[in-house]
């Protein structure tokens, strides 16, 4: 090899080494795991110098692989372990190197046919966690201008190890998140169930809130904050005596004051919880769902600009659910005969009342958004009430 070729080879090796370093840095630089895995897969394609890379995750219960990220595809792919090159790699727990995909017995050309793509070379590498458990497969397709070599396989092993570490962290955090959410939902369901007419209320308010958030194009970083704030908005009812909380009929003035203290207790209880950093605003938001735009709400009497936006969303959802569900006393003192009953109000009346409160009790833009998407919201109401009745 000439000196020029040697220098060129060293430069290429140095470039790849730097790319591997960049992948390691990615593991600590991304704000979300979705972003992280997209970035890692893109980096693998650069390092191995391939046309596209896919990261398959293993679903042990279903004995399947599914694509967490697949470059060149928008649709998720699901394959059985043992089927196709990635499936065979998962089954054997060993790398698979293919230089002529079209003539390989385990290659499935179906996706090529659908996409108008030509797969020539494939390198599949199993992804393990730190304890040696299989967690997925990296599949690298079409080595640029060459065939896969020993160095590519060594680099693929390094990349797979990096991905395995990231996957282990991802799955651990997912387990913690699922456990946390399960605890919160169980807690709120138990609270709602203290009175049969409020059963399912917190879940419905959460679903209505998330519906409005989607229509308002709320950023993904706020969705979890809204979800947990909505689920926990009535947590303070723990501090309300059962004889008041479950009373059949109207509250006395004193009982009403006790009942109106529940948002204060929601905030106080939640402020004592050690919440994740991204949920630090949950106590304030959950405690503000009975504040009003005109400043006549409770517990603090906050006016428009001082009320957290997410609390305004929950307020709209809370009012909608209160008006559209059965209750143990008339919750709206209106001038129409149906207002004095205990059954859920008809939807026309629900939206009429909400529109009447627009700009005084409820945020005007959110009420307008609710009216704009009324048909979809009514369908969601139907789905949730059918679910509660089952």
Protein backbone atom coordinates (compact mmCIF):
# COMPACT_ATOMS: atom_id res chain seq x y z
CA UNK A 1 0.00 0.00 0.00
CA UNK A 2 1.40 3.39 -0.95
CA UNK A 3 1.94 6.16 1.59
CA UNK A 4 -0.95 8.09 0.01
CA UNK A 5 -3.27 5.10 0.39
CA UNK A 6 -2.12 4.58 3.97
CA UNK A 7 -2.86 8.19 4.85
CA UNK A 8 -6.24 7.97 3.16
CA UNK A 9 -7.07 4.80 5.09
CA UNK A 10 -6.01 6.38 8.39
CA UNK A 11 -8.13 9.43 7.66
CA UNK A 12 -11.13 7.20 6.95
CA UNK A 13 -10.56 5.28 10.21
CA UNK A 14 -10.23 8.56 12.12
CA UNK A 15 -13.48 9.82 10.61
CA UNK A 16 -15.31 6.69 11.69
CA UNK A 17 -13.79 6.87 15.17
CA UNK A 18 -15.07 10.43 15.53
CA UNK A 19 -18.51 9.34 14.36
CA UNK A 20 -18.56 6.63 17.03
CA UNK A 21 -17.61 9.28 19.60
CA UNK A 22 -20.46 11.44 18.36
CA UNK A 23 -22.86 8.53 18.87
CA UNK A 24 -21.68 8.18 22.46
CA UNK A 25 -22.32 11.90 23.00
CA UNK A 26 -25.83 11.51 21.56
CA UNK A 27 -26.73 9.22 24.45
CA UNK A 28 -26.51 12.17 26.84
CA UNK A 29 -27.68 15.01 24.62
CA UNK A 30 -31.22 14.18 23.47
CA UNK A 31 -34.29 15.41 25.35
CA UNK A 32 -36.45 12.40 24.51
CA UNK A 33 -35.89 8.75 23.67
CA UNK A 34 -37.74 9.09 20.35
CA UNK A 35 -35.28 11.77 19.29
CA UNK A 36 -32.41 9.73 20.68
CA UNK A 37 -33.16 6.58 18.70
CA UNK A 38 -33.77 8.53 15.48
CA UNK A 39 -30.42 10.25 15.95
CA UNK A 40 -28.62 7.00 16.80
CA UNK A 41 -29.99 5.19 13.75
CA UNK A 42 -28.95 8.09 11.53
CA UNK A 43 -25.47 7.98 13.06
CA UNK A 44 -25.21 4.22 12.48
CA UNK A 45 -25.89 4.79 8.78
CA UNK A 46 -23.05 7.32 8.69
CA UNK A 47 -20.61 5.12 10.59
CA UNK A 48 -21.27 1.90 8.65
CA UNK A 49 -21.72 3.89 5.42
CA UNK A 50 -25.04 2.35 4.43
CA UNK A 51 -28.11 3.60 2.62
CA UNK A 52 -30.49 3.05 5.53
CA UNK A 53 -30.72 1.50 8.99
CA UNK A 54 -33.60 0.10 11.01
CA UNK A 55 -33.81 -0.52 14.73
CA UNK A 56 -36.12 -3.42 15.61
CA UNK A 57 -37.21 -3.89 19.21
CA UNK A 58 -38.15 -7.26 20.65
CA UNK A 59 -41.64 -7.83 22.04
CA UNK A 60 -40.99 -10.89 24.17
CA UNK A 61 -44.67 -11.55 24.95
CA UNK A 62 -45.70 -11.62 21.29
CA UNK A 63 -42.41 -13.14 20.09
CA UNK A 64 -42.18 -10.36 17.52
CA UNK A 65 -39.87 -7.60 16.35
CA UNK A 66 -41.20 -4.12 15.58
CA UNK A 67 -39.47 -1.07 14.16
CA UNK A 68 -38.74 1.69 16.63
CA UNK A 69 -37.01 3.58 13.82
CA UNK A 70 -36.82 2.60 10.15
CA UNK A 71 -35.12 5.00 7.75
CA UNK A 72 -37.02 5.35 4.49
CA UNK A 73 -40.27 4.10 6.05
CA UNK A 74 -43.07 5.95 7.81
CA UNK A 75 -45.04 2.80 8.62
CA UNK A 76 -44.13 0.51 11.49
CA UNK A 77 -43.02 -2.99 10.48
CA UNK A 78 -43.82 -6.02 12.63
CA UNK A 79 -42.24 -9.41 11.98
CA UNK A 80 -42.18 -12.69 13.87
CA UNK A 81 -38.92 -13.79 15.46
CA UNK A 82 -37.31 -16.25 13.06
CA UNK A 83 -38.87 -14.68 9.96
CA UNK A 84 -36.75 -12.65 7.54
CA UNK A 85 -33.16 -11.64 8.07
CA UNK A 86 -33.82 -9.51 11.17
CA UNK A 87 -36.07 -12.23 12.61
CA UNK A 88 -33.42 -14.90 11.99
CA UNK A 89 -30.80 -12.69 13.64
CA UNK A 90 -33.05 -12.36 16.71
CA UNK A 91 -33.72 -16.09 16.81
CA UNK A 92 -30.05 -17.05 16.60
CA UNK A 93 -28.67 -14.12 18.60
CA UNK A 94 -25.88 -13.91 16.05
CA UNK A 95 -24.93 -11.36 13.35
CA UNK A 96 -26.07 -12.10 9.80
CA UNK A 97 -24.09 -10.80 6.82
CA UNK A 98 -25.62 -11.02 3.35
CA UNK A 99 -23.85 -9.92 0.16
CA UNK A 100 -26.62 -10.94 -2.25
CA UNK A 101 -30.00 -10.41 -0.59
CA UNK A 102 -32.10 -11.38 -3.62
CA UNK A 103 -30.73 -14.93 -3.54
CA UNK A 104 -30.75 -15.44 0.22
CA UNK A 105 -33.41 -17.91 1.46
CA UNK A 106 -34.37 -15.76 4.46
CA UNK A 107 -34.73 -12.48 2.58
CA UNK A 108 -38.30 -11.19 2.17
CA UNK A 109 -38.55 -9.08 -0.98
CA UNK A 110 -42.11 -7.99 -0.20
CA UNK A 111 -41.11 -4.60 1.19
CA UNK A 112 -38.81 -3.93 -1.78
CA UNK A 113 -41.73 -4.64 -4.10
CA UNK A 114 -44.01 -2.26 -2.20
CA UNK A 115 -41.46 0.55 -1.99
CA UNK A 116 -39.78 0.17 -5.35
CA UNK A 117 -36.50 -0.34 -3.53
CA UNK A 118 -33.60 -2.70 -4.27
CA UNK A 119 -31.92 -4.37 -1.30
CA UNK A 120 -28.52 -5.74 -2.22
CA UNK A 121 -26.45 -6.14 0.95
CA UNK A 122 -27.62 -6.54 4.54
CA UNK A 123 -25.88 -6.61 7.89
CA UNK A 124 -28.04 -7.55 10.90
CA UNK A 125 -26.61 -7.28 14.37
CA UNK A 126 -28.33 -8.40 17.60
CA UNK A 127 -28.75 -5.84 20.36
CA UNK A 128 -28.26 -7.04 23.95
CA UNK A 129 -28.55 -5.28 27.30
CA UNK A 130 -25.85 -5.34 29.96
CA UNK A 131 -26.99 -8.72 31.30
CA UNK A 132 -26.93 -10.36 27.87
CA UNK A 133 -30.69 -10.37 27.20
CA UNK A 134 -31.70 -9.85 23.57
CA UNK A 135 -33.54 -6.52 23.18
CA UNK A 136 -33.60 -5.97 19.44
CA UNK A 137 -31.80 -6.00 16.12
CA UNK A 138 -29.94 -3.37 14.12
CA UNK A 139 -30.43 -3.92 10.39
CA UNK A 140 -28.14 -2.03 8.02
CA UNK A 141 -28.97 -2.12 4.32
CA UNK A 142 -26.89 -1.49 1.17
CA UNK A 143 -23.27 -0.73 1.93
CA UNK A 144 -22.31 2.22 -0.24
CA UNK A 145 -19.91 1.47 -3.11
CA UNK A 146 -18.69 -1.79 -1.58
CA UNK A 147 -19.46 -4.95 0.36
CA UNK A 148 -19.49 -5.18 4.16
CA UNK A 149 -16.07 -6.01 5.58
CA UNK A 150 -14.60 -7.08 8.92
CA UNK A 151 -14.24 -3.47 10.07
CA UNK A 152 -17.94 -2.84 9.36
CA UNK A 153 -18.85 -5.81 11.53
CA UNK A 154 -16.61 -4.58 14.33
CA UNK A 155 -18.17 -1.12 14.15
CA UNK A 156 -21.65 -2.64 14.03
CA UNK A 157 -20.83 -4.48 17.26
CA UNK A 158 -19.83 -1.18 18.90
CA UNK A 159 -22.99 0.53 17.63
CA UNK A 160 -25.18 -2.35 18.85
CA UNK A 161 -23.60 -2.12 22.30
CA UNK A 162 -24.33 1.62 22.43
CA UNK A 163 -27.92 1.03 21.35
CA UNK A 164 -28.28 -1.78 23.91
CA UNK A 165 -27.32 0.59 26.71
CA UNK A 166 -29.75 3.23 25.48
CA UNK A 167 -32.52 0.62 25.17
CA UNK A 168 -31.94 -0.59 28.71
CA UNK A 169 -32.28 2.97 30.03
CA UNK A 170 -35.34 3.55 27.85
CA UNK A 171 -37.09 0.41 29.07
CA UNK A 172 -36.24 1.11 32.70
CA UNK A 173 -37.69 4.61 32.44
CA UNK A 174 -40.75 3.26 30.61
CA UNK A 175 -41.33 0.77 33.44
CA UNK A 176 -41.04 3.54 36.01
CA UNK A 177 -43.37 5.78 33.98
CA UNK A 178 -45.95 3.03 33.57
CA UNK A 179 -45.76 2.21 37.27
CA UNK A 180 -46.17 5.89 38.21
CA UNK A 181 -49.14 6.36 35.88
CA UNK A 182 -50.75 3.14 37.07
CA UNK A 183 -50.46 4.32 40.67
CA UNK A 184 -51.94 7.76 39.83
CA UNK A 185 -54.86 6.27 37.89
CA UNK A 186 -55.59 3.75 40.64
CA UNK A 187 -55.51 6.53 43.23
CA UNK A 188 -57.90 8.77 41.29
CA UNK A 189 -60.23 5.89 40.45
CA UNK A 190 -60.43 4.96 44.13
CA UNK A 191 -61.24 8.57 45.01
CA UNK A 192 -63.88 8.91 42.30
CA UNK A 193 -65.43 5.60 43.34
CA UNK A 194 -66.26 6.95 46.81
CA UNK A 195 -69.41 8.30 45.18
CA UNK A 196 -71.03 6.33 42.36
CA UNK A 197 -71.99 9.48 40.43
CA UNK A 198 -68.39 10.69 40.21
CA UNK A 199 -66.92 7.34 39.16
CA UNK A 200 -64.81 7.87 36.03
CA UNK A 201 -64.88 11.67 36.37
CA UNK A 202 -61.11 12.20 36.60
CA UNK A 203 -60.42 9.93 33.66
CA UNK A 204 -63.05 11.66 31.50
CA UNK A 205 -61.75 15.12 32.42
CA UNK A 206 -58.27 13.92 31.46
CA UNK A 207 -59.44 12.60 28.09
CA UNK A 208 -61.38 15.81 27.34
CA UNK A 209 -58.32 17.87 28.35
CA UNK A 210 -56.01 15.88 26.07
CA UNK A 211 -58.56 16.21 23.27
CA UNK A 212 -58.54 20.02 23.61
CA UNK A 213 -54.75 20.04 23.88
CA UNK A 214 -54.49 18.20 20.56
CA UNK A 215 -56.87 20.68 18.89
CA UNK A 216 -54.85 23.56 20.35
CA UNK A 217 -51.61 22.02 19.01
CA UNK A 218 -50.12 21.87 22.49
CA UNK A 219 -46.43 20.94 22.51
CA UNK A 220 -45.52 17.36 23.36
CA UNK A 221 -43.47 18.55 26.33
CA UNK A 222 -46.68 19.76 28.02
CA UNK A 223 -48.85 16.72 27.38
CA UNK A 224 -47.65 14.73 30.41
CA UNK A 225 -47.98 17.81 32.62
CA UNK A 226 -51.58 18.27 31.47
CA UNK A 227 -52.40 14.58 31.79
CA UNK A 228 -51.22 14.23 35.38
CA UNK A 229 -52.66 17.60 36.40
CA UNK A 230 -56.06 16.53 35.05
CA UNK A 231 -55.91 13.09 36.62
CA UNK A 232 -55.05 14.60 40.01
CA UNK A 233 -57.19 17.75 39.89
CA UNK A 234 -59.66 16.42 42.49
CA UNK A 235 -57.10 14.77 44.77
CA UNK A 236 -57.91 17.34 47.46
CA UNK A 237 -61.33 15.77 47.92
CA UNK A 238 -59.50 13.33 50.20
CA UNK A 239 -59.66 16.14 52.77
CA UNK A 240 -63.44 16.59 52.36
CA UNK A 241 -65.52 14.59 54.90
CA UNK A 242 -67.49 11.74 53.31
CA UNK A 243 -70.82 13.05 54.58
CA UNK A 244 -70.26 16.15 52.47
CA UNK A 245 -68.49 14.53 49.53
CA UNK A 246 -71.19 11.90 49.05
CA UNK A 247 -74.19 14.00 50.06
CA UNK A 248 -77.36 13.41 48.07
CA UNK A 249 -78.74 16.90 47.52
CA UNK A 250 -77.61 20.51 47.68
CA UNK A 251 -74.89 21.65 50.02
CA UNK A 252 -75.54 24.06 52.85
CA UNK A 253 -73.45 27.28 52.70
CA UNK A 254 -70.99 25.79 55.21
CA UNK A 255 -70.78 22.49 53.34
CA UNK A 256 -70.22 24.36 50.10
CA UNK A 257 -67.27 26.22 51.60
CA UNK A 258 -65.75 22.92 52.73
CA UNK A 259 -66.29 21.44 49.28
CA UNK A 260 -64.72 24.49 47.65
CA UNK A 261 -61.57 23.91 49.70
CA UNK A 262 -60.65 20.81 47.70
CA UNK A 263 -58.49 22.62 45.06
CA UNK A 264 -56.44 24.13 47.90
CA UNK A 265 -55.88 20.67 49.35
CA UNK A 266 -55.05 19.32 45.90
CA UNK A 267 -52.22 21.82 45.61
CA UNK A 268 -51.05 21.29 49.18
CA UNK A 269 -50.94 17.49 48.93
CA UNK A 270 -49.24 17.47 45.54
CA UNK A 271 -46.66 20.06 46.61
CA UNK A 272 -45.45 17.57 49.21
CA UNK A 273 -44.88 14.88 46.60
CA UNK A 274 -41.45 14.46 45.03
CA UNK A 275 -42.44 14.81 41.39
CA UNK A 276 -40.13 14.45 38.37
CA UNK A 277 -38.63 17.71 37.16
CA UNK A 278 -40.86 17.82 34.08
CA UNK A 279 -43.98 17.60 36.29
CA UNK A 280 -42.96 20.30 38.76
CA UNK A 281 -45.90 22.54 37.71
CA UNK A 282 -48.55 19.86 38.31
CA UNK A 283 -49.50 21.04 41.86
CA UNK A 284 -50.10 24.62 40.72
CA UNK A 285 -52.04 23.60 37.60
CA UNK A 286 -54.18 20.95 39.32
CA UNK A 287 -55.05 23.40 42.12
CA UNK A 288 -56.23 26.08 39.68
CA UNK A 289 -59.01 24.24 37.84
CA UNK A 290 -61.76 26.20 39.66
CA UNK A 291 -60.22 29.62 39.02
CA UNK A 292 -62.25 31.88 36.72
CA UNK A 293 -61.21 34.27 33.97
CA UNK A 294 -63.01 37.13 35.77
CA UNK A 295 -61.16 36.46 39.04
CA UNK A 296 -64.21 35.18 40.92
CA UNK A 297 -63.03 31.60 41.17
CA UNK A 298 -61.31 29.74 43.99
CA UNK A 299 -59.17 28.99 45.93
CA UNK A 300 -57.00 32.04 45.11
CA UNK A 301 -59.28 34.23 43.01
CA UNK A 302 -56.79 34.34 40.15
CA UNK A 303 -57.79 36.28 37.03
CA UNK A 304 -57.13 35.51 33.37
CA UNK A 305 -53.39 36.08 32.95
CA UNK A 306 -52.50 34.60 36.33
CA UNK A 307 -54.25 31.29 35.64
CA UNK A 308 -51.95 28.65 34.11
CA UNK A 309 -53.04 27.84 30.55
CA UNK A 310 -53.18 24.12 31.27
CA UNK A 311 -55.52 24.81 34.20
CA UNK A 312 -57.80 26.70 31.81
CA UNK A 313 -57.98 23.59 29.63
CA UNK A 314 -58.84 21.42 32.64
CA UNK A 315 -61.50 23.94 33.71
CA UNK A 316 -63.26 23.64 30.34
CA UNK A 317 -63.03 19.84 30.47
CA UNK A 318 -64.27 19.77 34.08
CA UNK A 319 -67.31 21.94 33.33
CA UNK A 320 -68.13 19.92 30.24
CA UNK A 321 -68.05 16.66 32.21
CA UNK A 322 -70.07 18.11 35.12
CA UNK A 323 -72.82 19.32 32.80
CA UNK A 324 -72.89 16.21 30.62
CA UNK A 325 -72.95 13.62 33.44
CA UNK A 326 -75.49 12.61 36.07
CA UNK A 327 -75.05 14.31 39.41
CA UNK A 328 -76.64 14.29 42.85
CA UNK A 329 -77.92 17.87 42.66
CA UNK A 330 -78.48 20.51 39.94
CA UNK A 331 -75.07 22.00 39.26
CA UNK A 332 -76.30 24.88 37.16
CA UNK A 333 -78.86 27.39 38.35
CA UNK A 334 -80.30 28.34 35.01
CA UNK A 335 -83.66 29.57 33.86
CA UNK A 336 -84.67 26.48 31.90
CA UNK A 337 -86.67 23.53 33.29
CA UNK A 338 -83.97 20.97 32.49
CA UNK A 339 -81.45 22.89 34.61
CA UNK A 340 -83.18 21.79 37.80
CA UNK A 341 -82.87 18.07 37.13
CA UNK A 342 -80.16 15.61 38.08
CA UNK A 343 -79.70 13.88 34.75
CA UNK A 344 -77.02 14.88 32.27
CA UNK A 345 -78.02 17.96 30.31
CA UNK A 346 -78.63 17.62 26.60
CA UNK A 347 -75.65 18.59 24.49
CA UNK A 348 -77.29 21.70 23.04
CA UNK A 349 -77.81 23.00 26.57
CA UNK A 350 -74.29 21.99 27.65
CA UNK A 351 -72.69 24.01 24.88
CA UNK A 352 -75.10 26.89 25.40
CA UNK A 353 -74.08 27.14 29.06
CA UNK A 354 -70.39 26.91 28.20
CA UNK A 355 -70.74 29.64 25.61
CA UNK A 356 -72.54 31.78 28.19
CA UNK A 357 -69.51 31.39 30.50
CA UNK A 358 -67.02 32.22 27.76
CA UNK A 359 -64.72 35.06 28.79
CA UNK A 360 -66.03 35.18 32.37
CA UNK A 361 -65.79 31.68 33.82
CA UNK A 362 -63.96 29.93 30.98
CA UNK A 363 -61.25 30.91 28.52
CA UNK A 364 -62.98 32.29 25.40
CA UNK A 365 -60.54 30.77 22.89
CA UNK A 366 -60.84 27.33 24.46
CA UNK A 367 -64.63 27.51 24.46
CA UNK A 368 -64.53 28.52 20.79
CA UNK A 369 -62.23 25.56 20.12
CA UNK A 370 -64.68 23.27 21.93
CA UNK A 371 -67.58 24.51 19.82
CA UNK A 372 -65.55 24.19 16.63
CA UNK A 373 -64.88 20.52 17.33
CA UNK A 374 -68.20 19.78 18.98
CA UNK A 375 -69.01 16.70 16.89
CA UNK A 376 -65.72 15.00 17.76
CA UNK A 377 -66.07 15.91 21.43
CA UNK A 378 -69.58 14.45 21.53
CA UNK A 379 -68.26 11.23 20.02
CA UNK A 380 -65.55 11.10 22.68
CA UNK A 381 -68.22 11.72 25.35
CA UNK A 382 -70.25 8.80 23.97
CA UNK A 383 -67.22 6.49 23.90
CA UNK A 384 -66.22 7.34 27.47
CA UNK A 385 -69.70 6.98 28.92
CA UNK A 386 -70.23 3.65 27.17
CA UNK A 387 -66.90 2.55 28.64
CA UNK A 388 -67.97 3.66 32.13
CA UNK A 389 -71.26 1.75 31.81
CA UNK A 390 -69.58 -1.53 30.90
